[in-house]
Amino acid sequence: MTEEELIKGCKKGKEKYQFELVNKYASKLLAISRRYAKTVSGADDILQETFIKVFRYIHKFDANKG
């Protein structure tokens, strides 16, 4: 599945695509979150909040801008 397909599916609110997007980026985002959080649970919270914001504002995503 391409990145473009993932974004289009997420914009339509399809859970399959949301699940795939989380699976693709969760480990990378968690590694970044751990650099900023003082605890593992703090890093988990950052990760969760990140994906909440991603899906809340996915409709504004423009692939041309990144």
PDB file of N, CA and C in Angstrom:
ATOM      1  N   MET A   1       0.848  -1.172   0.000  1.00  0.00           N
ATOM      2  CA  MET A   1       0.000   0.000   0.000  1.00  0.00           C
ATOM      3  C   MET A   1       0.899   1.242   0.000  1.00  0.00           C
ATOM      4  N   THR A   2       0.612   2.146  -0.901  1.00  0.00           N
ATOM      5  CA  THR A   2       1.436   3.344  -0.995  1.00  0.00           C
ATOM      6  C   THR A   2       1.024   4.369   0.055  1.00  0.00           C
ATOM      7  N   GLU A   3       1.903   5.326   0.264  1.00  0.00           N
ATOM      8  CA  GLU A   3       1.621   6.412   1.210  1.00  0.00           C
ATOM      9  C   GLU A   3       0.380   7.192   0.767  1.00  0.00           C
ATOM     10  N   GLU A   4       0.267   7.421  -0.518  1.00  0.00           N
ATOM     11  CA  GLU A   4      -0.882   8.157  -1.054  1.00  0.00           C
ATOM     12  C   GLU A   4      -2.188   7.412  -0.773  1.00  0.00           C
ATOM     13  N   GLU A   5      -2.174   6.104  -0.953  1.00  0.00           N
ATOM     14  CA  GLU A   5      -3.364   5.291  -0.659  1.00  0.00           C
ATOM     15  C   GLU A   5      -3.709   5.348   0.824  1.00  0.00           C
ATOM     16  N   LEU A   6      -2.677   5.295   1.668  1.00  0.00           N
ATOM     17  CA  LEU A   6      -2.908   5.383   3.113  1.00  0.00           C
ATOM     18  C   LEU A   6      -3.588   6.695   3.482  1.00  0.00           C
ATOM     19  N   ILE A   7      -3.080   7.781   2.964  1.00  0.00           N
ATOM     20  CA  ILE A   7      -3.635   9.097   3.285  1.00  0.00           C
ATOM     21  C   ILE A   7      -5.067   9.210   2.789  1.00  0.00           C
ATOM     22  N   LYS A   8      -5.326   8.791   1.553  1.00  0.00           N
ATOM     23  CA  LYS A   8      -6.677   8.860   1.000  1.00  0.00           C
ATOM     24  C   LYS A   8      -7.650   8.030   1.826  1.00  0.00           C
ATOM     25  N   GLY A   9      -7.231   6.831   2.220  1.00  0.00           N
ATOM     26  CA  GLY A   9      -8.081   5.967   3.044  1.00  0.00           C
ATOM     27  C   GLY A   9      -8.349   6.569   4.409  1.00  0.00           C
ATOM     28  N   CYS A  10      -7.323   7.183   5.000  1.00  0.00           N
ATOM     29  CA  CYS A  10      -7.482   7.821   6.307  1.00  0.00           C
ATOM     30  C   CYS A  10      -8.407   9.028   6.217  1.00  0.00           C
ATOM     31  N   LYS A  11      -8.298   9.773   5.129  1.00  0.00           N
ATOM     32  CA  LYS A  11      -9.176  10.928   4.935  1.00  0.00           C
ATOM     33  C   LYS A  11     -10.636  10.504   4.832  1.00  0.00           C
ATOM     34  N   LYS A  12     -10.870   9.287   4.335  1.00  0.00           N
ATOM     35  CA  LYS A  12     -12.233   8.754   4.232  1.00  0.00           C
ATOM     36  C   LYS A  12     -12.695   8.111   5.536  1.00  0.00           C
ATOM     37  N   GLY A  13     -11.797   8.057   6.530  1.00  0.00           N
ATOM     38  CA  GLY A  13     -12.148   7.493   7.825  1.00  0.00           C
ATOM     39  C   GLY A  13     -12.159   5.976   7.873  1.00  0.00           C
ATOM     40  N   LYS A  14     -11.483   5.347   6.950  1.00  0.00           N
ATOM     41  CA  LYS A  14     -11.471   3.884   6.898  1.00  0.00           C
ATOM     42  C   LYS A  14     -10.454   3.324   7.900  1.00  0.00           C
ATOM     43  N   GLU A  15     -10.965   2.487   8.792  1.00  0.00           N
ATOM     44  CA  GLU A  15     -10.140   1.949   9.882  1.00  0.00           C
ATOM     45  C   GLU A  15      -8.957   1.137   9.382  1.00  0.00           C
ATOM     46  N   LYS A  16      -9.128   0.401   8.303  1.00  0.00           N
ATOM     47  CA  LYS A  16      -8.043  -0.423   7.753  1.00  0.00           C
ATOM     48  C   LYS A  16      -6.825   0.452   7.445  1.00  0.00           C
ATOM     49  N   TYR A  17      -7.067   1.596   6.845  1.00  0.00           N
ATOM     50  CA  TYR A  17      -5.981   2.497   6.470  1.00  0.00           C
ATOM     51  C   TYR A  17      -5.380   3.183   7.701  1.00  0.00           C
ATOM     52  N   GLN A  18      -6.227   3.525   8.655  1.00  0.00           N
ATOM     53  CA  GLN A  18      -5.735   4.119   9.897  1.00  0.00           C
ATOM     54  C   GLN A  18      -4.826   3.130  10.625  1.00  0.00           C
ATOM     55  N   PHE A  19      -5.261   1.886  10.673  1.00  0.00           N
ATOM     56  CA  PHE A  19      -4.473   0.833  11.314  1.00  0.00           C
ATOM     57  C   PHE A  19      -3.116   0.688  10.630  1.00  0.00           C
ATOM     58  N   GLU A  20      -3.115   0.683   9.305  1.00  0.00           N
ATOM     59  CA  GLU A  20      -1.867   0.551   8.555  1.00  0.00           C
ATOM     60  C   GLU A  20      -0.943   1.747   8.782  1.00  0.00           C
ATOM     61  N   LEU A  21      -1.507   2.939   8.850  1.00  0.00           N
ATOM     62  CA  LEU A  21      -0.703   4.137   9.096  1.00  0.00           C
ATOM     63  C   LEU A  21      -0.047   4.068  10.477  1.00  0.00           C
ATOM     64  N   VAL A  22      -0.811   3.653  11.471  1.00  0.00           N
ATOM     65  CA  VAL A  22      -0.264   3.509  12.828  1.00  0.00           C
ATOM     66  C   VAL A  22       0.845   2.465  12.828  1.00  0.00           C
ATOM     67  N   ASN A  23       0.598   1.320  12.211  1.00  0.00           N
ATOM     68  CA  ASN A  23       1.616   0.265  12.170  1.00  0.00           C
ATOM     69  C   ASN A  23       2.891   0.727  11.470  1.00  0.00           C
ATOM     70  N   LYS A  24       2.735   1.540  10.442  1.00  0.00           N
ATOM     71  CA  LYS A  24       3.898   1.990   9.674  1.00  0.00           C
ATOM     72  C   LYS A  24       4.763   2.967  10.464  1.00  0.00           C
ATOM     73  N   TYR A  25       4.148   3.840  11.260  1.00  0.00           N
ATOM     74  CA  TYR A  25       4.903   4.927  11.886  1.00  0.00           C
ATOM     75  C   TYR A  25       5.022   4.861  13.411  1.00  0.00           C
ATOM     76  N   ALA A  26       4.306   3.983  14.057  1.00  0.00           N
ATOM     77  CA  ALA A  26       4.291   3.961  15.525  1.00  0.00           C
ATOM     78  C   ALA A  26       5.678   3.741  16.130  1.00  0.00           C
ATOM     79  N   SER A  27       6.436   2.806  15.608  1.00  0.00           N
ATOM     80  CA  SER A  27       7.736   2.513  16.213  1.00  0.00           C
ATOM     81  C   SER A  27       8.703   3.695  16.075  1.00  0.00           C
ATOM     82  N   LYS A  28       8.673   4.355  14.922  1.00  0.00           N
ATOM     83  CA  LYS A  28       9.543   5.516  14.722  1.00  0.00           C
ATOM     84  C   LYS A  28       9.131   6.667  15.631  1.00  0.00           C
ATOM     85  N   LEU A  29       7.824   6.905  15.715  1.00  0.00           N
ATOM     86  CA  LEU A  29       7.331   7.987  16.565  1.00  0.00           C
ATOM     87  C   LEU A  29       7.563   7.691  18.046  1.00  0.00           C
ATOM     88  N   LEU A  30       7.456   6.440  18.429  1.00  0.00           N
ATOM     89  CA  LEU A  30       7.707   6.080  19.823  1.00  0.00           C
ATOM     90  C   LEU A  30       9.167   6.322  20.185  1.00  0.00           C
ATOM     91  N   ALA A  31      10.065   6.011  19.279  1.00  0.00           N
ATOM     92  CA  ALA A  31      11.491   6.256  19.531  1.00  0.00           C
ATOM     93  C   ALA A  31      11.753   7.751  19.737  1.00  0.00           C
ATOM     94  N   ILE A  32      11.115   8.577  18.939  1.00  0.00           N
ATOM     95  CA  ILE A  32      11.261  10.030  19.099  1.00  0.00           C
ATOM     96  C   ILE A  32      10.632  10.482  20.412  1.00  0.00           C
ATOM     97  N   SER A  33       9.456   9.946  20.728  1.00  0.00           N
ATOM     98  CA  SER A  33       8.755  10.306  21.969  1.00  0.00           C
ATOM     99  C   SER A  33       9.591   9.986  23.201  1.00  0.00           C
ATOM    100  N   ARG A  34      10.309   8.878  23.156  1.00  0.00           N
ATOM    101  CA  ARG A  34      11.135   8.478  24.301  1.00  0.00           C
ATOM    102  C   ARG A  34      12.267   9.461  24.570  1.00  0.00           C
ATOM    103  N   ARG A  35      12.685  10.178  23.551  1.00  0.00           N
ATOM    104  CA  ARG A  35      13.740  11.184  23.734  1.00  0.00           C
ATOM    105  C   ARG A  35      13.238  12.384  24.535  1.00  0.00           C
ATOM    106  N   TYR A  36      11.949  12.640  24.449  1.00  0.00           N
ATOM    107  CA  TYR A  36      11.376  13.819  25.102  1.00  0.00           C
ATOM    108  C   TYR A  36      10.702  13.513  26.432  1.00  0.00           C
ATOM    109  N   ALA A  37      10.218  12.297  26.598  1.00  0.00           N
ATOM    110  CA  ALA A  37       9.483  11.938  27.810  1.00  0.00           C
ATOM    111  C   ALA A  37      10.432  11.442  28.890  1.00  0.00           C
ATOM    112  N   LYS A  38      10.027  11.662  30.129  1.00  0.00           N
ATOM    113  CA  LYS A  38      10.839  11.203  31.259  1.00  0.00           C
ATOM    114  C   LYS A  38      10.561   9.746  31.608  1.00  0.00           C
ATOM    115  N   THR A  39       9.387   9.256  31.196  1.00  0.00           N
ATOM    116  CA  THR A  39       9.007   7.875  31.507  1.00  0.00           C
ATOM    117  C   THR A  39       8.485   7.184  30.251  1.00  0.00           C
ATOM    118  N   VAL A  40       8.427   5.866  30.311  1.00  0.00           N
ATOM    119  CA  VAL A  40       7.887   5.093  29.192  1.00  0.00           C
ATOM    120  C   VAL A  40       6.404   5.406  29.012  1.00  0.00           C
ATOM    121  N   SER A  41       5.681   5.524  30.107  1.00  0.00           N
ATOM    122  CA  SER A  41       4.256   5.843  29.984  1.00  0.00           C
ATOM    123  C   SER A  41       4.062   7.252  29.418  1.00  0.00           C
ATOM    124  N   GLY A  42       4.969   8.150  29.725  1.00  0.00           N
ATOM    125  CA  GLY A  42       4.922   9.479  29.142  1.00  0.00           C
ATOM    126  C   GLY A  42       5.122   9.438  27.638  1.00  0.00           C
ATOM    127  N   ALA A  43       6.048   8.605  27.194  1.00  0.00           N
ATOM    128  CA  ALA A  43       6.290   8.438  25.766  1.00  0.00           C
ATOM    129  C   ALA A  43       5.065   7.820  25.083  1.00  0.00           C
ATOM    130  N   ASP A  44       4.440   6.873  25.749  1.00  0.00           N
ATOM    131  CA  ASP A  44       3.216   6.278  25.208  1.00  0.00           C
ATOM    132  C   ASP A  44       2.108   7.319  25.066  1.00  0.00           C
ATOM    133  N   ASP A  45       2.004   8.198  26.044  1.00  0.00           N
ATOM    134  CA  ASP A  45       0.995   9.266  25.993  1.00  0.00           C
ATOM    135  C   ASP A  45       1.261  10.217  24.834  1.00  0.00           C
ATOM    136  N   ILE A  46       2.525  10.563  24.633  1.00  0.00           N
ATOM    137  CA  ILE A  46       2.893  11.438  23.518  1.00  0.00           C
ATOM    138  C   ILE A  46       2.519  10.775  22.191  1.00  0.00           C
ATOM    139  N   LEU A  47       2.818   9.503  22.070  1.00  0.00           N
ATOM    140  CA  LEU A  47       2.501   8.761  20.853  1.00  0.00           C
ATOM    141  C   LEU A  47       0.998   8.754  20.598  1.00  0.00           C
ATOM    142  N   GLN A  48       0.229   8.466  21.625  1.00  0.00           N
ATOM    143  CA  GLN A  48      -1.221   8.434  21.491  1.00  0.00           C
ATOM    144  C   GLN A  48      -1.766   9.802  21.079  1.00  0.00           C
ATOM    145  N   GLU A  49      -1.309  10.847  21.724  1.00  0.00           N
ATOM    146  CA  GLU A  49      -1.764  12.197  21.395  1.00  0.00           C
ATOM    147  C   GLU A  49      -1.371  12.587  19.969  1.00  0.00           C
ATOM    148  N   THR A  50      -0.217  12.123  19.536  1.00  0.00           N
ATOM    149  CA  THR A  50       0.229  12.402  18.171  1.00  0.00           C
ATOM    150  C   THR A  50      -0.735  11.808  17.159  1.00  0.00           C
ATOM    151  N   PHE A  51      -1.098  10.554  17.340  1.00  0.00           N
ATOM    152  CA  PHE A  51      -2.010   9.919  16.395  1.00  0.00           C
ATOM    153  C   PHE A  51      -3.422  10.498  16.484  1.00  0.00           C
ATOM    154  N   ILE A  52      -3.842  10.909  17.653  1.00  0.00           N
ATOM    155  CA  ILE A  52      -5.144  11.572  17.767  1.00  0.00           C
ATOM    156  C   ILE A  52      -5.144  12.832  16.904  1.00  0.00           C
ATOM    157  N   LYS A  53      -4.086  13.608  16.996  1.00  0.00           N
ATOM    158  CA  LYS A  53      -3.999  14.837  16.195  1.00  0.00           C
ATOM    159  C   LYS A  53      -3.874  14.524  14.703  1.00  0.00           C
ATOM    160  N   VAL A  54      -3.116  13.503  14.371  1.00  0.00           N
ATOM    161  CA  VAL A  54      -2.973  13.121  12.962  1.00  0.00           C
ATOM    162  C   VAL A  54      -4.347  12.833  12.360  1.00  0.00           C
ATOM    163  N   PHE A  55      -5.144  12.022  13.044  1.00  0.00           N
ATOM    164  CA  PHE A  55      -6.432  11.643  12.487  1.00  0.00           C
ATOM    165  C   PHE A  55      -7.466  12.766  12.585  1.00  0.00           C
ATOM    166  N   ARG A  56      -7.323  13.630  13.539  1.00  0.00           N
ATOM    167  CA  ARG A  56      -8.233  14.769  13.663  1.00  0.00           C
ATOM    168  C   ARG A  56      -8.030  15.756  12.510  1.00  0.00           C
ATOM    169  N   TYR A  57      -6.772  15.934  12.088  1.00  0.00           N
ATOM    170  CA  TYR A  57      -6.454  16.942  11.076  1.00  0.00           C
ATOM    171  C   TYR A  57      -6.012  16.356   9.738  1.00  0.00           C
ATOM    172  N   ILE A  58      -6.211  15.069   9.523  1.00  0.00           N
ATOM    173  CA  ILE A  58      -5.762  14.429   8.285  1.00  0.00           C
ATOM    174  C   ILE A  58      -6.413  15.065   7.057  1.00  0.00           C
ATOM    175  N   HIS A  59      -7.604  15.580   7.213  1.00  0.00           N
ATOM    176  CA  HIS A  59      -8.304  16.192   6.077  1.00  0.00           C
ATOM    177  C   HIS A  59      -7.581  17.437   5.561  1.00  0.00           C
ATOM    178  N   LYS A  60      -6.719  18.034   6.383  1.00  0.00           N
ATOM    179  CA  LYS A  60      -5.968  19.220   5.980  1.00  0.00           C
ATOM    180  C   LYS A  60      -4.618  18.870   5.343  1.00  0.00           C
ATOM    181  N   PHE A  61      -4.251  17.603   5.366  1.00  0.00           N
ATOM    182  CA  PHE A  61      -2.948  17.197   4.847  1.00  0.00           C
ATOM    183  C   PHE A  61      -2.865  17.437   3.339  1.00  0.00           C
ATOM    184  N   ASP A  62      -1.782  18.057   2.923  1.00  0.00           N
ATOM    185  CA  ASP A  62      -1.503  18.311   1.511  1.00  0.00           C
ATOM    186  C   ASP A  62      -0.158  17.671   1.186  1.00  0.00           C
ATOM    187  N   ALA A  63      -0.188  16.643   0.370  1.00  0.00           N
ATOM    188  CA  ALA A  63       1.033  15.912   0.029  1.00  0.00           C
ATOM    189  C   ALA A  63       2.071  16.795  -0.646  1.00  0.00           C
ATOM    190  N   ASN A  64       1.627  17.827  -1.327  1.00  0.00           N
ATOM    191  CA  ASN A  64       2.569  18.739  -1.986  1.00  0.00           C
ATOM    192  C   ASN A  64       3.362  19.575  -0.985  1.00  0.00           C
ATOM    193  N   LYS A  65       2.785  19.797   0.190  1.00  0.00           N
ATOM    194  CA  LYS A  65       3.472  20.573   1.223  1.00  0.00           C
ATOM    195  C   LYS A  65       4.203  19.689   2.212  1.00  0.00           C
ATOM    196  N   GLY A  66       3.777  18.433   2.306  1.00  0.00           N
ATOM    197  CA  GLY A  66       4.424  17.490   3.221  1.00  0.00           C
ATOM    198  C   GLY A  66       3.845  17.458   4.585  1.00  0.00           C
TER     199      GLY A  66
END
